[in-house]
C-alpha atoms as a PDB file:
ATOM      1  CA  UNK A   1     -11.804  -7.228  -7.037  1.00  0.00           C
ATOM      2  CA  UNK A   2      -8.560  -9.054  -7.544  1.00  0.00           C
ATOM      3  CA  UNK A   3      -8.977 -11.781  -4.925  1.00  0.00           C
ATOM      4  CA  UNK A   4      -8.325 -14.575  -7.434  1.00  0.00           C
ATOM      5  CA  UNK A   5      -5.229 -13.033  -8.995  1.00  0.00           C
ATOM      6  CA  UNK A   6      -1.802 -13.567  -7.493  1.00  0.00           C
ATOM      7  CA  UNK A   7      -0.600 -10.673  -5.316  1.00  0.00           C
ATOM      8  CA  UNK A   8       1.909  -8.431  -6.994  1.00  0.00           C
ATOM      9  CA  UNK A   9       4.961  -7.160  -5.109  1.00  0.00           C
ATOM     10  CA  UNK A  10       4.574  -3.548  -3.981  1.00  0.00           C
ATOM     11  CA  UNK A  11       8.069  -2.948  -5.327  1.00  0.00           C
ATOM     12  CA  UNK A  12       9.455  -5.672  -7.653  1.00  0.00           C
ATOM     13  CA  UNK A  13      12.885  -3.991  -7.534  1.00  0.00           C
ATOM     14  CA  UNK A  14      13.211  -4.222  -3.724  1.00  0.00           C
ATOM     15  CA  UNK A  15      16.514  -5.554  -2.444  1.00  0.00           C
ATOM     16  CA  UNK A  16      16.736  -9.313  -1.778  1.00  0.00           C
ATOM     17  CA  UNK A  17      18.497 -10.523   1.376  1.00  0.00           C
ATOM     18  CA  UNK A  18      18.654 -14.214   0.548  1.00  0.00           C
ATOM     19  CA  UNK A  19      18.914 -14.298  -3.249  1.00  0.00           C
ATOM     20  CA  UNK A  20      20.260 -17.835  -3.291  1.00  0.00           C
ATOM     21  CA  UNK A  21      16.823 -19.127  -2.303  1.00  0.00           C
ATOM     22  CA  UNK A  22      14.418 -19.214  -5.253  1.00  0.00           C
ATOM     23  CA  UNK A  23      10.836 -18.049  -4.821  1.00  0.00           C
ATOM     24  CA  UNK A  24       8.014 -20.605  -5.010  1.00  0.00           C
ATOM     25  CA  UNK A  25       6.133 -20.892  -8.365  1.00  0.00           C
ATOM     26  CA  UNK A  26       3.017 -19.201  -6.891  1.00  0.00           C
ATOM     27  CA  UNK A  27       1.860 -17.214  -3.864  1.00  0.00           C
ATOM     28  CA  UNK A  28      -0.537 -19.246  -1.755  1.00  0.00           C
ATOM     29  CA  UNK A  29      -4.008 -17.768  -1.204  1.00  0.00           C
ATOM     30  CA  UNK A  30      -6.056 -19.881   1.218  1.00  0.00           C
ATOM     31  CA  UNK A  31      -9.087 -21.421  -0.469  1.00  0.00           C
ATOM     32  CA  UNK A  32      -7.871 -20.409  -3.951  1.00  0.00           C
ATOM     33  CA  UNK A  33      -4.498 -21.998  -4.699  1.00  0.00           C
ATOM     34  CA  UNK A  34      -3.440 -25.528  -3.791  1.00  0.00           C
ATOM     35  CA  UNK A  35      -2.290 -25.683  -0.164  1.00  0.00           C
ATOM     36  CA  UNK A  36       1.507 -25.654  -0.476  1.00  0.00           C
ATOM     37  CA  UNK A  37       2.122 -28.423   2.062  1.00  0.00           C
ATOM     38  CA  UNK A  38      -1.067 -30.530   2.292  1.00  0.00           C
ATOM     39  CA  UNK A  39      -2.104 -30.657  -1.369  1.00  0.00           C
ATOM     40  CA  UNK A  40      -0.137 -32.947  -3.747  1.00  0.00           C
ATOM     41  CA  UNK A  41      -0.203 -30.055  -6.235  1.00  0.00           C
ATOM     42  CA  UNK A  42       1.237 -27.676  -3.630  1.00  0.00           C
ATOM     43  CA  UNK A  43       4.607 -26.014  -4.250  1.00  0.00           C
ATOM     44  CA  UNK A  44       6.086 -27.459  -1.048  1.00  0.00           C
ATOM     45  CA  UNK A  45       4.320 -30.811  -0.920  1.00  0.00           C
ATOM     46  CA  UNK A  46       6.552 -33.588   0.337  1.00  0.00           C
ATOM     47  CA  UNK A  47       9.410 -31.265   1.254  1.00  0.00           C
ATOM     48  CA  UNK A  48      10.555 -31.969   4.777  1.00  0.00           C
ATOM     49  CA  UNK A  49      10.968 -28.920   6.970  1.00  0.00           C
ATOM     50  CA  UNK A  50      14.390 -28.793   8.508  1.00  0.00           C
ATOM     51  CA  UNK A  51      14.488 -28.045  12.187  1.00  0.00           C
ATOM     52  CA  UNK A  52      17.675 -26.386  13.296  1.00  0.00           C
ATOM     53  CA  UNK A  53      19.057 -28.082  16.381  1.00  0.00           C
ATOM     54  CA  UNK A  54      21.154 -24.995  17.164  1.00  0.00           C
ATOM     55  CA  UNK A  55      18.985 -22.056  16.117  1.00  0.00           C
ATOM     56  CA  UNK A  56      20.623 -18.681  15.606  1.00  0.00           C
ATOM     57  CA  UNK A  57      20.012 -16.204  18.430  1.00  0.00           C
ATOM     58  CA  UNK A  58      18.438 -12.890  17.375  1.00  0.00           C
ATOM     59  CA  UNK A  59      21.861 -11.139  17.493  1.00  0.00           C
ATOM     60  CA  UNK A  60      23.031 -13.426  14.639  1.00  0.00           C
ATOM     61  CA  UNK A  61      20.142 -12.517  12.369  1.00  0.00           C
ATOM     62  CA  UNK A  62      22.529 -11.745   9.497  1.00  0.00           C
ATOM     63  CA  UNK A  63      23.475 -15.450   9.320  1.00  0.00           C
ATOM     64  CA  UNK A  64      19.909 -16.709   9.786  1.00  0.00           C
ATOM     65  CA  UNK A  65      18.927 -17.773   6.265  1.00  0.00           C
ATOM     66  CA  UNK A  66      15.372 -18.749   7.288  1.00  0.00           C
ATOM     67  CA  UNK A  67      14.781 -15.281   8.711  1.00  0.00           C
ATOM     68  CA  UNK A  68      16.299 -13.515   5.705  1.00  0.00           C
ATOM     69  CA  UNK A  69      14.347 -15.695   3.258  1.00  0.00           C
ATOM     70  CA  UNK A  70      11.177 -14.917   5.197  1.00  0.00           C
ATOM     71  CA  UNK A  71      11.901 -11.226   4.759  1.00  0.00           C
ATOM     72  CA  UNK A  72      12.359 -11.729   1.025  1.00  0.00           C
ATOM     73  CA  UNK A  73       9.114 -13.724   0.792  1.00  0.00           C
ATOM     74  CA  UNK A  74       7.261 -11.021   2.704  1.00  0.00           C
ATOM     75  CA  UNK A  75       8.653  -8.136   0.604  1.00  0.00           C
ATOM     76  CA  UNK A  76       7.753  -9.912  -2.632  1.00  0.00           C
ATOM     77  CA  UNK A  77       4.168 -10.658  -1.560  1.00  0.00           C
ATOM     78  CA  UNK A  78       4.651 -14.334  -0.655  1.00  0.00           C
ATOM     79  CA  UNK A  79       2.916 -13.601   2.593  1.00  0.00           C
ATOM     80  CA  UNK A  80       1.709 -17.097   3.449  1.00  0.00           C
ATOM     81  CA  UNK A  81       5.181 -18.483   2.630  1.00  0.00           C
ATOM     82  CA  UNK A  82       6.877 -15.769   4.777  1.00  0.00           C
ATOM     83  CA  UNK A  83       4.571 -16.724   7.625  1.00  0.00           C
ATOM     84  CA  UNK A  84       5.692 -20.326   7.241  1.00  0.00           C
ATOM     85  CA  UNK A  85       9.415 -19.428   7.073  1.00  0.00           C
ATOM     86  CA  UNK A  86       9.133 -17.384  10.293  1.00  0.00           C
ATOM     87  CA  UNK A  87       6.886 -19.834  12.063  1.00  0.00           C
ATOM     88  CA  UNK A  88       9.644 -22.461  12.041  1.00  0.00           C
ATOM     89  CA  UNK A  89      11.842 -19.992  13.871  1.00  0.00           C
ATOM     90  CA  UNK A  90       9.006 -18.893  16.150  1.00  0.00           C
ATOM     91  CA  UNK A  91       8.543 -22.453  17.481  1.00  0.00           C
ATOM     92  CA  UNK A  92      12.112 -22.360  18.788  1.00  0.00           C
ATOM     93  CA  UNK A  93      12.223 -18.709  19.885  1.00  0.00           C
ATOM     94  CA  UNK A  94      11.685 -17.280  23.353  1.00  0.00           C
ATOM     95  CA  UNK A  95      10.770 -13.977  24.938  1.00  0.00           C
ATOM     96  CA  UNK A  96      11.268 -10.830  22.822  1.00  0.00           C
ATOM     97  CA  UNK A  97      12.441 -12.847  19.810  1.00  0.00           C
ATOM     98  CA  UNK A  98       9.241 -14.947  19.898  1.00  0.00           C
ATOM     99  CA  UNK A  99       7.084 -11.827  20.250  1.00  0.00           C
ATOM    100  CA  UNK A 100       8.897 -10.142  17.321  1.00  0.00           C
ATOM    101  CA  UNK A 101       8.383 -13.139  15.030  1.00  0.00           C
ATOM    102  CA  UNK A 102       4.736 -13.463  16.002  1.00  0.00           C
ATOM    103  CA  UNK A 103       4.231  -9.760  15.194  1.00  0.00           C
ATOM    104  CA  UNK A 104       5.771 -10.215  11.737  1.00  0.00           C
ATOM    105  CA  UNK A 105       3.738 -13.397  11.153  1.00  0.00           C
ATOM    106  CA  UNK A 106       0.493 -11.603  12.013  1.00  0.00           C
ATOM    107  CA  UNK A 107       1.266  -8.618   9.791  1.00  0.00           C
ATOM    108  CA  UNK A 108       2.140 -10.960   6.946  1.00  0.00           C
ATOM    109  CA  UNK A 109      -1.172 -12.815   7.460  1.00  0.00           C
ATOM    110  CA  UNK A 110      -3.035  -9.474   7.526  1.00  0.00           C
ATOM    111  CA  UNK A 111      -1.599  -8.672   4.066  1.00  0.00           C
ATOM    112  CA  UNK A 112      -3.144 -11.888   2.718  1.00  0.00           C
ATOM    113  CA  UNK A 113      -6.482 -10.632   4.071  1.00  0.00           C
ATOM    114  CA  UNK A 114      -5.775  -7.235   2.487  1.00  0.00           C
ATOM    115  CA  UNK A 115      -5.289  -8.903  -0.887  1.00  0.00           C
ATOM    116  CA  UNK A 116      -8.407 -11.024  -0.474  1.00  0.00           C
ATOM    117  CA  UNK A 117     -10.485  -8.003   0.644  1.00  0.00           C
ATOM    118  CA  UNK A 118     -11.303  -9.552   4.019  1.00  0.00           C
ATOM    119  CA  UNK A 119     -11.599  -6.432   6.168  1.00  0.00           C
ATOM    120  CA  UNK A 120     -12.351  -7.832   9.622  1.00  0.00           C
ATOM    121  CA  UNK A 121      -9.372 -10.268   9.734  1.00  0.00           C
ATOM    122  CA  UNK A 122      -7.155  -7.585   8.128  1.00  0.00           C
ATOM    123  CA  UNK A 123      -8.008  -5.285  11.007  1.00  0.00           C
ATOM    124  CA  UNK A 124      -7.635  -7.947  13.696  1.00  0.00           C
ATOM    125  CA  UNK A 125      -4.348  -9.404  12.494  1.00  0.00           C
ATOM    126  CA  UNK A 126      -2.718  -6.064  11.598  1.00  0.00           C
ATOM    127  CA  UNK A 127      -3.591  -4.653  15.035  1.00  0.00           C
ATOM    128  CA  UNK A 128      -2.333  -7.743  16.873  1.00  0.00           C
ATOM    129  CA  UNK A 129       0.915  -7.817  14.893  1.00  0.00           C
ATOM    130  CA  UNK A 130       1.617  -4.098  15.284  1.00  0.00           C
ATOM    131  CA  UNK A 131       0.834  -4.277  18.974  1.00  0.00           C
ATOM    132  CA  UNK A 132       3.399  -7.065  19.415  1.00  0.00           C
ATOM    133  CA  UNK A 133       6.056  -5.078  17.504  1.00  0.00           C
ATOM    134  CA  UNK A 134       5.259  -1.979  19.620  1.00  0.00           C
ATOM    135  CA  UNK A 135       5.896  -4.143  22.653  1.00  0.00           C
ATOM    136  CA  UNK A 136       9.211  -5.269  21.189  1.00  0.00           C
ATOM    137  CA  UNK A 137      10.133  -1.567  20.724  1.00  0.00           C
ATOM    138  CA  UNK A 138       9.472  -1.004  24.450  1.00  0.00           C
ATOM    139  CA  UNK A 139      11.668  -4.011  25.309  1.00  0.00           C
ATOM    140  CA  UNK A 140      14.543  -2.905  23.021  1.00  0.00           C
ATOM    141  CA  UNK A 141      17.445  -1.374  24.807  1.00  0.00           C
ATOM    142  CA  UNK A 142      18.774   0.634  21.898  1.00  0.00           C
ATOM    143  CA  UNK A 143      17.291   4.060  21.203  1.00  0.00           C
ATOM    144  CA  UNK A 144      16.332   3.511  17.579  1.00  0.00           C
ATOM    145  CA  UNK A 145      14.522   0.199  18.311  1.00  0.00           C
ATOM    146  CA  UNK A 146      16.547  -1.757  15.789  1.00  0.00           C
ATOM    147  CA  UNK A 147      15.702  -5.404  16.198  1.00  0.00           C
ATOM    148  CA  UNK A 148      17.106  -8.100  13.886  1.00  0.00           C
ATOM    149  CA  UNK A 149      18.033  -5.452  11.325  1.00  0.00           C
ATOM    150  CA  UNK A 150      14.701  -3.661  11.282  1.00  0.00           C
ATOM    151  CA  UNK A 151      14.256  -0.162  12.577  1.00  0.00           C
ATOM    152  CA  UNK A 152      10.914  -1.085  14.219  1.00  0.00           C
ATOM    153  CA  UNK A 153       9.896   2.525  14.872  1.00  0.00           C
ATOM    154  CA  UNK A 154      10.157   3.342  11.199  1.00  0.00           C
ATOM    155  CA  UNK A 155       8.541   0.072  10.088  1.00  0.00           C
ATOM    156  CA  UNK A 156       5.635   0.548  12.459  1.00  0.00           C
ATOM    157  CA  UNK A 157       5.123   4.143  11.300  1.00  0.00           C
ATOM    158  CA  UNK A 158       4.908   2.854   7.729  1.00  0.00           C
ATOM    159  CA  UNK A 159       2.625  -0.044   8.710  1.00  0.00           C
ATOM    160  CA  UNK A 160       0.339   2.284  10.670  1.00  0.00           C
ATOM    161  CA  UNK A 161       0.055   4.593   7.657  1.00  0.00           C
ATOM    162  CA  UNK A 162      -0.663   1.603   5.378  1.00  0.00           C
ATOM    163  CA  UNK A 163      -3.342   0.053   7.591  1.00  0.00           C
ATOM    164  CA  UNK A 164      -5.051   3.265   8.808  1.00  0.00           C
ATOM    165  CA  UNK A 165      -7.453   3.654   5.839  1.00  0.00           C
ATOM    166  CA  UNK A 166      -8.835   0.173   6.494  1.00  0.00           C
ATOM    167  CA  UNK A 167     -10.133   1.283   9.895  1.00  0.00           C
ATOM    168  CA  UNK A 168     -12.363   3.977   8.414  1.00  0.00           C
ATOM    169  CA  UNK A 169     -16.178   3.654   8.630  1.00  0.00           C
ATOM    170  CA  UNK A 170     -16.409   3.377   4.822  1.00  0.00           C
ATOM    171  CA  UNK A 171     -13.839   1.156   3.118  1.00  0.00           C
ATOM    172  CA  UNK A 172     -14.299   0.818  -0.633  1.00  0.00           C
ATOM    173  CA  UNK A 173     -12.359  -0.740  -3.489  1.00  0.00           C
ATOM    174  CA  UNK A 174     -10.829   2.706  -3.974  1.00  0.00           C
ATOM    175  CA  UNK A 175      -9.347   2.459  -0.471  1.00  0.00           C
ATOM    176  CA  UNK A 176      -7.447  -0.635  -1.576  1.00  0.00           C
ATOM    177  CA  UNK A 177      -6.277   1.070  -4.775  1.00  0.00           C
ATOM    178  CA  UNK A 178      -4.931   4.202  -3.012  1.00  0.00           C
ATOM    179  CA  UNK A 179      -2.042   2.611  -1.148  1.00  0.00           C
ATOM    180  CA  UNK A 180       0.539   5.299  -0.395  1.00  0.00           C
ATOM    181  CA  UNK A 181       3.287   3.537   1.507  1.00  0.00           C
ATOM    182  CA  UNK A 182       3.545  -0.253   1.536  1.00  0.00           C
ATOM    183  CA  UNK A 183       4.941  -1.806   4.730  1.00  0.00           C
ATOM    184  CA  UNK A 184       8.107  -3.281   3.217  1.00  0.00           C
ATOM    185  CA  UNK A 185      10.921  -4.502   5.407  1.00  0.00           C
ATOM    186  CA  UNK A 186      14.252  -2.740   4.991  1.00  0.00           C
ATOM    187  CA  UNK A 187      17.070  -4.504   6.740  1.00  0.00           C
ATOM    188  CA  UNK A 188      19.970  -2.435   8.060  1.00  0.00           C
ATOM    189  CA  UNK A 189      23.200  -4.377   8.043  1.00  0.00           C
END
């Protein structure tokens, strides 16, 4: 089991969307690493979170640095940090935008559970997140379900393939080792 090791990116050569923002010095794993915000040893301790008085609407996602940085964090296995980046946006979002962010947050949290080999919360969170993104697809007016740069139909197909083995009756360490297609986020500008 690798629950005490830092998660490794599925693809360390994946494209960055907000390269001007550096990655934190470690990936937070609840109960293992110092809590980034509450612990004085945390990588974000004492850093005030900026709240945008005029948040970007979903259509302006390309200018939304918090969103783009969240995608980078997610893609490079900083799942807790991605969750935090998107949560700030989620607090100000409404309707489909809020549902979309909550879906991404839950999928990101499920990947922490994947890394920590916590099967029940992996199943619960991945299902809840994917269900929310499926709902966003239904609410999208464009045929390819592109929302904030993500082709949600393609992303959900990849995510479903990734999570499917963890719903089998018998999940072993080999199940975790045989990942075929990681659910990375590819933005389409």
